[in-house]
């Protein structure tokens, strides 16, 4: 049983290594995206306002983003979300596809920046949704089960030799080291 566990553990580990490396690298990048300027576009500053009534509408912010002509932002159906940031008075119009972010001034409705969102791409690779729904829904769950199996089998392989040595000593066995010293 112990030998079979080692062989099984080795092959499962080899198979899971690619996914673990991918999840580790993308997880590191996501954990540090605030420190890596190329991961997430810096937030621009919009015009100052006194009352929320002075802020442009969602439609005006979206129309400003559409005016750039990006293929991934042509209509409201292409928008994943629109975030409003009152502190800097900007709208972030984020596309469903293409990882595009357009920042629009909340006061004037003018486009301030248009950038690629590497953090969104990294997150999609991290959770395997980049490769399709099947990978995200099924393969990610399988990777989780493989990790659990590797943890259990690794713990088993760590504990069994300790327990065997302890049992051998209790039975009064002589260890190889003591035999060598004689």
N, C-alpha and C. Protein backbone atom coordinates (compact mmCIF):
# COMPACT_ATOMS: atom_id res chain seq x y z
N UNK A 1 0.83 -1.20 0.00
CA UNK A 1 0.00 0.00 0.00
C UNK A 1 0.87 1.26 0.00
N UNK A 2 1.92 1.25 0.81
CA UNK A 2 2.79 2.42 0.91
C UNK A 2 3.47 2.70 -0.42
N UNK A 3 4.01 1.68 -1.08
CA UNK A 3 4.67 1.86 -2.37
C UNK A 3 3.68 2.36 -3.43
N UNK A 4 2.49 1.79 -3.44
CA UNK A 4 1.45 2.23 -4.38
C UNK A 4 1.08 3.69 -4.16
N UNK A 5 1.04 4.10 -2.92
CA UNK A 5 0.74 5.49 -2.59
C UNK A 5 1.82 6.42 -3.14
N UNK A 6 3.07 6.00 -3.04
CA UNK A 6 4.17 6.82 -3.55
C UNK A 6 4.08 6.99 -5.07
N UNK A 7 3.81 5.90 -5.78
CA UNK A 7 3.71 5.94 -7.24
C UNK A 7 2.52 6.83 -7.64
N UNK A 8 1.40 6.61 -7.00
CA UNK A 8 0.19 7.39 -7.27
C UNK A 8 0.44 8.88 -6.99
N UNK A 9 1.06 9.16 -5.86
CA UNK A 9 1.36 10.54 -5.47
C UNK A 9 2.29 11.19 -6.50
N UNK A 10 3.29 10.47 -6.95
CA UNK A 10 4.26 11.01 -7.91
C UNK A 10 3.57 11.39 -9.22
N UNK A 11 2.73 10.51 -9.77
CA UNK A 11 2.07 10.79 -11.04
C UNK A 11 1.01 11.89 -10.91
N UNK A 12 0.30 11.89 -9.81
CA UNK A 12 -0.69 12.96 -9.58
C UNK A 12 0.03 14.30 -9.45
N UNK A 13 1.14 14.30 -8.75
CA UNK A 13 1.92 15.53 -8.58
C UNK A 13 2.46 16.05 -9.90
N UNK A 14 2.96 15.13 -10.73
CA UNK A 14 3.48 15.53 -12.04
C UNK A 14 2.37 16.13 -12.90
N UNK A 15 1.20 15.53 -12.85
CA UNK A 15 0.07 16.04 -13.63
C UNK A 15 -0.44 17.38 -13.13
N UNK A 16 -0.42 17.56 -11.83
CA UNK A 16 -0.93 18.80 -11.23
C UNK A 16 0.08 19.93 -11.25
N UNK A 17 1.35 19.63 -11.50
CA UNK A 17 2.41 20.65 -11.43
C UNK A 17 2.16 21.82 -12.38
N UNK A 18 1.71 21.53 -13.59
CA UNK A 18 1.46 22.61 -14.56
C UNK A 18 0.38 23.55 -14.05
N UNK A 19 -0.71 22.99 -13.55
CA UNK A 19 -1.79 23.83 -13.03
C UNK A 19 -1.35 24.58 -11.78
N UNK A 20 -0.61 23.92 -10.92
CA UNK A 20 -0.14 24.57 -9.70
C UNK A 20 0.80 25.73 -10.02
N UNK A 21 1.68 25.53 -10.98
CA UNK A 21 2.60 26.60 -11.37
C UNK A 21 1.82 27.78 -11.93
N UNK A 22 0.83 27.49 -12.77
CA UNK A 22 0.01 28.56 -13.36
C UNK A 22 -0.76 29.31 -12.28
N UNK A 23 -1.35 28.57 -11.36
CA UNK A 23 -2.12 29.20 -10.28
C UNK A 23 -1.20 29.99 -9.35
N UNK A 24 -0.01 29.48 -9.10
CA UNK A 24 0.94 30.17 -8.22
C UNK A 24 1.41 31.49 -8.85
N UNK A 25 1.80 31.45 -10.12
CA UNK A 25 2.30 32.66 -10.79
C UNK A 25 1.20 33.71 -10.89
N UNK A 26 0.02 33.30 -11.36
CA UNK A 26 -1.07 34.27 -11.50
C UNK A 26 -1.55 34.77 -10.14
N UNK A 27 -1.54 33.90 -9.14
CA UNK A 27 -1.90 34.32 -7.78
C UNK A 27 -0.94 35.36 -7.24
N UNK A 28 0.35 35.16 -7.49
CA UNK A 28 1.36 36.14 -7.06
C UNK A 28 1.12 37.48 -7.75
N UNK A 29 0.87 37.45 -9.05
CA UNK A 29 0.63 38.69 -9.79
C UNK A 29 -0.63 39.40 -9.28
N UNK A 30 -1.68 38.64 -9.02
CA UNK A 30 -2.92 39.25 -8.52
C UNK A 30 -2.74 39.82 -7.12
N UNK A 31 -1.97 39.13 -6.29
CA UNK A 31 -1.73 39.63 -4.93
C UNK A 31 -0.92 40.93 -4.94
N UNK A 32 -0.14 41.13 -5.99
CA UNK A 32 0.72 42.31 -6.07
C UNK A 32 0.31 43.29 -7.15
N UNK A 33 -0.91 43.18 -7.66
CA UNK A 33 -1.32 44.04 -8.78
C UNK A 33 -1.32 45.52 -8.42
N UNK A 34 -1.49 45.84 -7.17
CA UNK A 34 -1.45 47.25 -6.75
C UNK A 34 -0.05 47.83 -6.84
N UNK A 35 0.97 46.99 -6.74
CA UNK A 35 2.36 47.44 -6.81
C UNK A 35 2.93 47.37 -8.22
N UNK A 36 2.25 46.67 -9.10
CA UNK A 36 2.74 46.49 -10.47
C UNK A 36 1.90 47.36 -11.40
N UNK A 37 2.45 48.48 -11.84
CA UNK A 37 1.67 49.45 -12.62
C UNK A 37 1.19 48.90 -13.95
N UNK A 38 1.86 47.92 -14.51
CA UNK A 38 1.45 47.36 -15.79
C UNK A 38 0.27 46.39 -15.65
N UNK A 39 -0.03 45.99 -14.42
CA UNK A 39 -1.14 45.05 -14.21
C UNK A 39 -2.50 45.74 -14.27
N UNK A 40 -2.59 46.91 -13.68
CA UNK A 40 -3.87 47.61 -13.63
C UNK A 40 -3.61 49.08 -13.97
N UNK A 41 -4.39 49.65 -14.89
CA UNK A 41 -4.16 51.05 -15.26
C UNK A 41 -4.32 51.97 -14.05
N UNK A 42 -3.44 52.95 -13.91
CA UNK A 42 -3.58 53.89 -12.80
C UNK A 42 -4.86 54.71 -12.93
N UNK A 43 -5.41 55.08 -11.81
CA UNK A 43 -6.66 55.84 -11.81
C UNK A 43 -6.38 57.30 -12.15
N UNK A 44 -7.08 57.81 -13.16
CA UNK A 44 -6.94 59.21 -13.58
C UNK A 44 -7.73 60.11 -12.63
N UNK A 45 -7.56 61.40 -12.77
CA UNK A 45 -8.30 62.39 -11.96
C UNK A 45 -9.30 63.10 -12.85
N UNK A 46 -10.55 63.08 -12.43
CA UNK A 46 -11.60 63.80 -13.14
C UNK A 46 -11.77 65.20 -12.58
N UNK A 47 -12.64 65.97 -13.20
CA UNK A 47 -12.91 67.33 -12.74
C UNK A 47 -13.61 67.34 -11.39
N UNK A 48 -13.36 68.37 -10.61
CA UNK A 48 -13.96 68.52 -9.28
C UNK A 48 -15.46 68.86 -9.41
N UNK A 49 -16.23 68.43 -8.41
CA UNK A 49 -17.67 68.71 -8.41
C UNK A 49 -18.12 69.00 -6.98
N UNK A 50 -19.20 69.74 -6.89
CA UNK A 50 -19.78 70.09 -5.59
C UNK A 50 -20.95 69.16 -5.23
N UNK A 51 -21.76 68.82 -6.24
CA UNK A 51 -22.93 67.98 -6.01
C UNK A 51 -22.96 66.86 -7.06
N UNK A 52 -23.57 65.74 -6.70
CA UNK A 52 -23.66 64.62 -7.63
C UNK A 52 -24.45 64.96 -8.88
N UNK A 53 -25.29 65.95 -8.81
CA UNK A 53 -26.08 66.36 -9.97
C UNK A 53 -25.17 66.86 -11.10
N UNK A 54 -23.95 67.26 -10.76
CA UNK A 54 -23.00 67.75 -11.76
C UNK A 54 -22.29 66.61 -12.51
N UNK A 55 -22.42 65.39 -12.01
CA UNK A 55 -21.74 64.24 -12.61
C UNK A 55 -22.51 63.77 -13.83
N UNK A 56 -21.78 63.44 -14.90
CA UNK A 56 -22.42 62.96 -16.13
C UNK A 56 -23.15 61.65 -15.86
N UNK A 57 -24.06 61.30 -16.74
CA UNK A 57 -24.85 60.08 -16.56
C UNK A 57 -24.04 58.86 -17.01
N UNK A 58 -24.53 57.67 -16.64
CA UNK A 58 -23.92 56.43 -17.10
C UNK A 58 -23.92 56.35 -18.62
N UNK A 59 -25.02 56.79 -19.22
CA UNK A 59 -25.13 56.76 -20.68
C UNK A 59 -24.06 57.65 -21.31
N UNK A 60 -23.84 58.84 -20.78
CA UNK A 60 -22.81 59.73 -21.32
C UNK A 60 -21.42 59.11 -21.19
N UNK A 61 -21.15 58.47 -20.05
CA UNK A 61 -19.85 57.82 -19.85
C UNK A 61 -19.67 56.68 -20.84
N UNK A 62 -20.73 55.88 -21.03
CA UNK A 62 -20.65 54.76 -21.97
C UNK A 62 -20.48 55.27 -23.40
N UNK A 63 -21.22 56.30 -23.78
CA UNK A 63 -21.10 56.85 -25.15
C UNK A 63 -19.69 57.38 -25.41
N UNK A 64 -19.08 57.97 -24.41
CA UNK A 64 -17.70 58.45 -24.56
C UNK A 64 -16.76 57.27 -24.83
N UNK A 65 -16.97 56.16 -24.12
CA UNK A 65 -16.14 54.96 -24.33
C UNK A 65 -16.38 54.38 -25.72
N UNK A 66 -17.64 54.36 -26.17
CA UNK A 66 -17.95 53.82 -27.50
C UNK A 66 -17.34 54.67 -28.60
N UNK A 67 -17.21 55.98 -28.37
CA UNK A 67 -16.71 56.89 -29.40
C UNK A 67 -15.26 56.59 -29.80
N UNK A 68 -14.54 55.84 -28.98
CA UNK A 68 -13.15 55.51 -29.31
C UNK A 68 -13.05 54.48 -30.43
N UNK A 69 -14.12 53.73 -30.65
CA UNK A 69 -14.15 52.77 -31.74
C UNK A 69 -13.44 51.45 -31.46
N UNK A 70 -13.19 51.14 -30.20
CA UNK A 70 -12.58 49.85 -29.87
C UNK A 70 -13.56 48.73 -30.23
N UNK A 71 -13.09 47.69 -30.89
CA UNK A 71 -13.99 46.60 -31.27
C UNK A 71 -14.64 45.91 -30.07
N UNK A 72 -13.97 45.93 -28.92
CA UNK A 72 -14.54 45.26 -27.75
C UNK A 72 -15.53 46.15 -26.99
N UNK A 73 -15.69 47.42 -27.40
CA UNK A 73 -16.65 48.33 -26.77
C UNK A 73 -17.42 49.09 -27.85
N UNK A 74 -18.48 48.47 -28.36
CA UNK A 74 -19.28 49.09 -29.41
C UNK A 74 -20.70 49.45 -28.93
N UNK A 75 -21.21 48.68 -27.95
CA UNK A 75 -22.57 48.94 -27.46
C UNK A 75 -22.66 48.52 -25.99
N UNK A 76 -23.82 48.78 -25.40
CA UNK A 76 -24.02 48.44 -23.99
C UNK A 76 -23.88 46.94 -23.74
N UNK A 77 -24.10 46.11 -24.77
CA UNK A 77 -23.96 44.66 -24.63
C UNK A 77 -22.49 44.24 -24.45
N UNK A 78 -21.57 45.11 -24.81
CA UNK A 78 -20.14 44.81 -24.69
C UNK A 78 -19.57 45.20 -23.32
N UNK A 79 -20.37 45.85 -22.50
CA UNK A 79 -19.89 46.34 -21.19
C UNK A 79 -20.05 45.26 -20.13
N UNK A 80 -18.96 44.98 -19.43
CA UNK A 80 -19.02 44.06 -18.28
C UNK A 80 -19.55 44.82 -17.07
N UNK A 81 -18.98 46.01 -16.85
CA UNK A 81 -19.44 46.84 -15.73
C UNK A 81 -18.94 48.28 -15.92
N UNK A 82 -19.60 49.18 -15.20
CA UNK A 82 -19.16 50.57 -15.14
C UNK A 82 -18.98 50.89 -13.66
N UNK A 83 -17.77 51.21 -13.29
CA UNK A 83 -17.46 51.58 -11.90
C UNK A 83 -17.36 53.10 -11.83
N UNK A 84 -17.99 53.67 -10.80
CA UNK A 84 -17.84 55.11 -10.57
C UNK A 84 -16.99 55.31 -9.33
N UNK A 85 -16.00 56.17 -9.44
CA UNK A 85 -15.09 56.48 -8.33
C UNK A 85 -15.28 57.94 -7.93
N UNK A 86 -16.08 58.20 -6.88
CA UNK A 86 -16.35 59.59 -6.48
C UNK A 86 -15.11 60.36 -6.06
N UNK A 87 -14.15 59.67 -5.42
CA UNK A 87 -12.95 60.36 -4.94
C UNK A 87 -12.19 61.02 -6.09
N UNK A 88 -12.09 60.33 -7.22
CA UNK A 88 -11.39 60.91 -8.36
C UNK A 88 -12.37 61.35 -9.46
N UNK A 89 -13.65 61.19 -9.23
CA UNK A 89 -14.72 61.58 -10.16
C UNK A 89 -14.48 61.03 -11.57
N UNK A 90 -14.34 59.73 -11.65
CA UNK A 90 -14.20 59.08 -12.95
C UNK A 90 -15.12 57.86 -13.03
N UNK A 91 -15.47 57.52 -14.25
CA UNK A 91 -16.16 56.28 -14.54
C UNK A 91 -15.15 55.36 -15.21
N UNK A 92 -15.14 54.10 -14.79
CA UNK A 92 -14.34 53.09 -15.46
C UNK A 92 -15.30 52.20 -16.23
N UNK A 93 -15.24 52.27 -17.54
CA UNK A 93 -16.08 51.45 -18.40
C UNK A 93 -15.23 50.25 -18.82
N UNK A 94 -15.65 49.06 -18.40
CA UNK A 94 -14.84 47.86 -18.58
C UNK A 94 -15.57 46.89 -19.51
N UNK A 95 -14.85 46.43 -20.55
CA UNK A 95 -15.46 45.55 -21.55
C UNK A 95 -15.57 44.12 -21.06
N UNK A 96 -16.56 43.39 -21.62
CA UNK A 96 -16.71 41.96 -21.31
C UNK A 96 -15.56 41.17 -21.91
N UNK A 97 -15.20 41.50 -23.14
CA UNK A 97 -14.13 40.81 -23.86
C UNK A 97 -13.02 41.80 -24.18
N UNK A 98 -11.83 41.29 -24.37
CA UNK A 98 -10.73 42.15 -24.80
C UNK A 98 -9.98 42.86 -23.69
N UNK A 99 -10.48 42.78 -22.46
CA UNK A 99 -9.77 43.34 -21.30
C UNK A 99 -9.47 44.84 -21.47
N UNK A 100 -10.47 45.59 -21.90
CA UNK A 100 -10.33 47.02 -22.15
C UNK A 100 -10.98 47.81 -21.02
N UNK A 101 -10.29 48.88 -20.57
CA UNK A 101 -10.85 49.80 -19.59
C UNK A 101 -10.73 51.21 -20.15
N UNK A 102 -11.84 51.92 -20.18
CA UNK A 102 -11.85 53.32 -20.59
C UNK A 102 -12.26 54.14 -19.37
N UNK A 103 -11.43 55.13 -19.01
CA UNK A 103 -11.75 56.01 -17.88
C UNK A 103 -12.30 57.32 -18.44
N UNK A 104 -13.47 57.69 -17.91
CA UNK A 104 -14.18 58.87 -18.40
C UNK A 104 -14.33 59.87 -17.26
N UNK A 105 -14.04 61.13 -17.55
CA UNK A 105 -14.17 62.22 -16.57
C UNK A 105 -15.63 62.37 -16.19
N UNK A 106 -15.91 62.33 -14.88
CA UNK A 106 -17.28 62.44 -14.39
C UNK A 106 -17.85 63.83 -14.52
N UNK A 107 -17.01 64.84 -14.70
CA UNK A 107 -17.48 66.23 -14.81
C UNK A 107 -17.77 66.59 -16.28
N UNK A 108 -16.80 66.30 -17.16
CA UNK A 108 -16.93 66.72 -18.55
C UNK A 108 -17.43 65.62 -19.49
N UNK A 109 -17.31 64.37 -19.09
CA UNK A 109 -17.69 63.26 -19.96
C UNK A 109 -16.63 62.94 -21.01
N UNK A 110 -15.45 63.51 -20.88
CA UNK A 110 -14.36 63.26 -21.83
C UNK A 110 -13.58 62.01 -21.43
N UNK A 111 -13.06 61.32 -22.44
CA UNK A 111 -12.22 60.15 -22.17
C UNK A 111 -10.87 60.61 -21.64
N UNK A 112 -10.47 60.03 -20.51
CA UNK A 112 -9.17 60.36 -19.92
C UNK A 112 -8.10 59.35 -20.31
N UNK A 113 -8.44 58.08 -20.25
CA UNK A 113 -7.49 57.03 -20.65
C UNK A 113 -8.24 55.85 -21.24
N UNK A 114 -7.52 55.08 -22.03
CA UNK A 114 -8.02 53.82 -22.57
C UNK A 114 -6.87 52.84 -22.47
N UNK A 115 -7.06 51.76 -21.69
CA UNK A 115 -5.94 50.87 -21.39
C UNK A 115 -6.35 49.41 -21.40
N UNK A 116 -5.34 48.57 -21.51
CA UNK A 116 -5.49 47.12 -21.41
C UNK A 116 -5.48 46.74 -19.94
N UNK A 117 -6.39 45.83 -19.52
CA UNK A 117 -6.46 45.38 -18.13
C UNK A 117 -5.77 44.03 -17.98
N UNK A 118 -4.49 44.03 -17.69
CA UNK A 118 -3.74 42.78 -17.52
C UNK A 118 -4.22 42.02 -16.28
N UNK A 119 -4.72 42.74 -15.27
CA UNK A 119 -5.20 42.05 -14.07
C UNK A 119 -6.43 41.19 -14.36
N UNK A 120 -7.30 41.65 -15.25
CA UNK A 120 -8.47 40.85 -15.62
C UNK A 120 -8.06 39.60 -16.39
N UNK A 121 -7.11 39.75 -17.30
CA UNK A 121 -6.59 38.61 -18.05
C UNK A 121 -5.95 37.61 -17.08
N UNK A 122 -5.15 38.11 -16.16
CA UNK A 122 -4.48 37.26 -15.18
C UNK A 122 -5.49 36.52 -14.32
N UNK A 123 -6.54 37.20 -13.91
CA UNK A 123 -7.58 36.55 -13.10
C UNK A 123 -8.29 35.45 -13.88
N UNK A 124 -8.55 35.70 -15.16
CA UNK A 124 -9.19 34.68 -16.00
C UNK A 124 -8.29 33.46 -16.20
N UNK A 125 -6.98 33.68 -16.31
CA UNK A 125 -6.05 32.55 -16.40
C UNK A 125 -5.99 31.83 -15.06
N UNK A 126 -5.99 32.59 -13.97
CA UNK A 126 -5.91 32.03 -12.62
C UNK A 126 -7.07 31.08 -12.33
N UNK A 127 -8.28 31.48 -12.71
CA UNK A 127 -9.44 30.62 -12.42
C UNK A 127 -9.83 29.75 -13.63
N UNK A 128 -8.97 29.71 -14.64
CA UNK A 128 -9.11 28.88 -15.84
C UNK A 128 -10.29 29.26 -16.73
N UNK A 129 -11.00 30.36 -16.44
CA UNK A 129 -12.12 30.76 -17.29
C UNK A 129 -11.63 31.27 -18.65
N UNK A 130 -10.37 31.68 -18.74
CA UNK A 130 -9.78 32.11 -20.01
C UNK A 130 -9.87 31.00 -21.06
N UNK A 131 -9.78 29.75 -20.61
CA UNK A 131 -9.76 28.60 -21.51
C UNK A 131 -11.16 28.06 -21.82
N UNK A 132 -12.18 28.62 -21.20
CA UNK A 132 -13.55 28.22 -21.47
C UNK A 132 -14.28 27.77 -20.21
N UNK A 133 -15.60 27.67 -20.34
CA UNK A 133 -16.44 27.31 -19.20
C UNK A 133 -16.13 25.90 -18.67
N UNK A 134 -15.86 24.97 -19.57
CA UNK A 134 -15.55 23.60 -19.14
C UNK A 134 -14.35 23.60 -18.20
N UNK A 135 -13.29 24.30 -18.58
CA UNK A 135 -12.08 24.33 -17.75
C UNK A 135 -12.36 25.00 -16.41
N UNK A 136 -13.11 26.11 -16.46
CA UNK A 136 -13.41 26.84 -15.22
C UNK A 136 -14.28 26.01 -14.28
N UNK A 137 -15.31 25.38 -14.82
CA UNK A 137 -16.28 24.68 -13.98
C UNK A 137 -15.82 23.28 -13.58
N UNK A 138 -15.18 22.55 -14.49
CA UNK A 138 -14.85 21.15 -14.22
C UNK A 138 -13.38 20.92 -13.90
N UNK A 139 -12.51 21.47 -14.71
CA UNK A 139 -11.09 21.19 -14.51
C UNK A 139 -10.57 21.84 -13.23
N UNK A 140 -11.04 23.04 -12.91
CA UNK A 140 -10.62 23.70 -11.68
C UNK A 140 -11.06 22.88 -10.46
N UNK A 141 -12.25 22.31 -10.53
CA UNK A 141 -12.71 21.44 -9.44
C UNK A 141 -11.87 20.19 -9.35
N UNK A 142 -11.49 19.64 -10.49
CA UNK A 142 -10.63 18.46 -10.51
C UNK A 142 -9.26 18.77 -9.92
N UNK A 143 -8.71 19.94 -10.25
CA UNK A 143 -7.42 20.35 -9.69
C UNK A 143 -7.53 20.45 -8.16
N UNK A 144 -8.64 20.97 -7.67
CA UNK A 144 -8.83 21.06 -6.22
C UNK A 144 -8.84 19.68 -5.59
N UNK A 145 -9.52 18.73 -6.22
CA UNK A 145 -9.56 17.36 -5.70
C UNK A 145 -8.18 16.71 -5.75
N UNK A 146 -7.43 16.97 -6.82
CA UNK A 146 -6.07 16.43 -6.92
C UNK A 146 -5.19 17.00 -5.81
N UNK A 147 -5.33 18.28 -5.54
CA UNK A 147 -4.57 18.90 -4.44
C UNK A 147 -4.91 18.26 -3.10
N UNK A 148 -6.18 18.00 -2.88
CA UNK A 148 -6.60 17.33 -1.65
C UNK A 148 -5.99 15.94 -1.58
N UNK A 149 -6.04 15.20 -2.69
CA UNK A 149 -5.46 13.85 -2.73
C UNK A 149 -3.95 13.89 -2.50
N UNK A 150 -3.27 14.87 -3.09
CA UNK A 150 -1.83 15.00 -2.88
C UNK A 150 -1.51 15.32 -1.41
N UNK A 151 -2.33 16.15 -0.80
CA UNK A 151 -2.12 16.48 0.62
C UNK A 151 -2.29 15.26 1.50
N UNK A 152 -3.34 14.48 1.23
CA UNK A 152 -3.59 13.28 2.03
C UNK A 152 -2.50 12.24 1.81
N UNK A 153 -2.16 11.98 0.55
CA UNK A 153 -1.13 10.96 0.28
C UNK A 153 0.24 11.42 0.76
N UNK A 154 0.54 12.70 0.64
CA UNK A 154 1.82 13.22 1.15
C UNK A 154 1.92 13.10 2.66
N UNK A 155 0.84 13.40 3.35
CA UNK A 155 0.82 13.26 4.81
C UNK A 155 0.97 11.79 5.19
N UNK A 156 0.31 10.92 4.48
CA UNK A 156 0.41 9.48 4.71
C UNK A 156 1.86 9.02 4.54
N UNK A 157 2.49 9.45 3.45
CA UNK A 157 3.87 9.04 3.20
C UNK A 157 4.85 9.63 4.20
N UNK A 158 4.51 10.74 4.81
CA UNK A 158 5.35 11.35 5.83
C UNK A 158 5.20 10.62 7.17
N UNK A 159 3.98 10.27 7.52
CA UNK A 159 3.71 9.70 8.84
C UNK A 159 4.04 8.21 8.92
N UNK A 160 3.80 7.45 7.86
CA UNK A 160 4.01 5.99 7.91
C UNK A 160 5.43 5.61 8.35
N UNK A 161 6.49 6.17 7.77
CA UNK A 161 7.83 5.79 8.24
C UNK A 161 8.08 6.12 9.72
N UNK A 162 7.53 7.21 10.18
CA UNK A 162 7.69 7.58 11.60
C UNK A 162 7.01 6.55 12.48
N UNK A 163 5.79 6.18 12.13
CA UNK A 163 5.06 5.18 12.91
C UNK A 163 5.73 3.81 12.85
N UNK A 164 6.27 3.45 11.70
CA UNK A 164 6.98 2.17 11.58
C UNK A 164 8.22 2.14 12.45
N UNK A 165 8.99 3.21 12.46
CA UNK A 165 10.20 3.26 13.32
C UNK A 165 9.82 3.18 14.79
N UNK A 166 8.78 3.90 15.15
CA UNK A 166 8.33 3.90 16.55
C UNK A 166 7.88 2.49 16.97
N UNK A 167 7.11 1.82 16.12
CA UNK A 167 6.65 0.46 16.42
C UNK A 167 7.83 -0.51 16.50
N UNK A 168 8.79 -0.35 15.63
CA UNK A 168 9.97 -1.22 15.61
C UNK A 168 10.76 -1.06 16.92
N UNK A 169 10.90 0.16 17.37
CA UNK A 169 11.64 0.40 18.63
C UNK A 169 10.89 -0.17 19.83
N UNK A 170 9.56 -0.07 19.82
CA UNK A 170 8.76 -0.61 20.92
C UNK A 170 8.86 -2.12 21.00
N UNK A 171 9.01 -2.78 19.86
CA UNK A 171 9.14 -4.24 19.83
C UNK A 171 10.56 -4.67 20.26
N UNK A 172 11.40 -3.70 20.51
CA UNK A 172 12.76 -4.04 20.96
C UNK A 172 13.72 -4.28 19.81
N UNK A 173 13.40 -3.81 18.65
CA UNK A 173 14.26 -3.98 17.49
C UNK A 173 15.51 -3.12 17.61
N UNK A 174 16.52 -3.52 16.93
CA UNK A 174 17.78 -2.78 16.93
C UNK A 174 17.83 -1.98 15.63
N UNK A 175 18.10 -0.72 15.75
CA UNK A 175 18.15 0.10 14.56
C UNK A 175 19.44 -0.18 13.78
N UNK A 176 19.45 0.13 12.52
CA UNK A 176 20.62 -0.09 11.67
C UNK A 176 21.80 0.70 12.18
N UNK A 177 21.59 1.86 12.75
CA UNK A 177 22.67 2.69 13.26
C UNK A 177 23.36 2.02 14.43
N UNK A 178 22.58 1.43 15.36
CA UNK A 178 23.17 0.77 16.54
C UNK A 178 23.92 -0.48 16.11
N UNK A 179 23.44 -1.20 15.11
CA UNK A 179 24.11 -2.40 14.61
C UNK A 179 25.45 -2.03 14.01
N UNK A 180 25.51 -0.94 13.31
CA UNK A 180 26.72 -0.49 12.67
C UNK A 180 27.79 -0.09 13.71
N UNK A 181 27.33 0.49 14.82
CA UNK A 181 28.27 0.94 15.87
C UNK A 181 28.93 -0.23 16.60
N UNK A 182 28.30 -1.38 16.64
CA UNK A 182 28.83 -2.53 17.38
C UNK A 182 30.00 -3.11 16.74
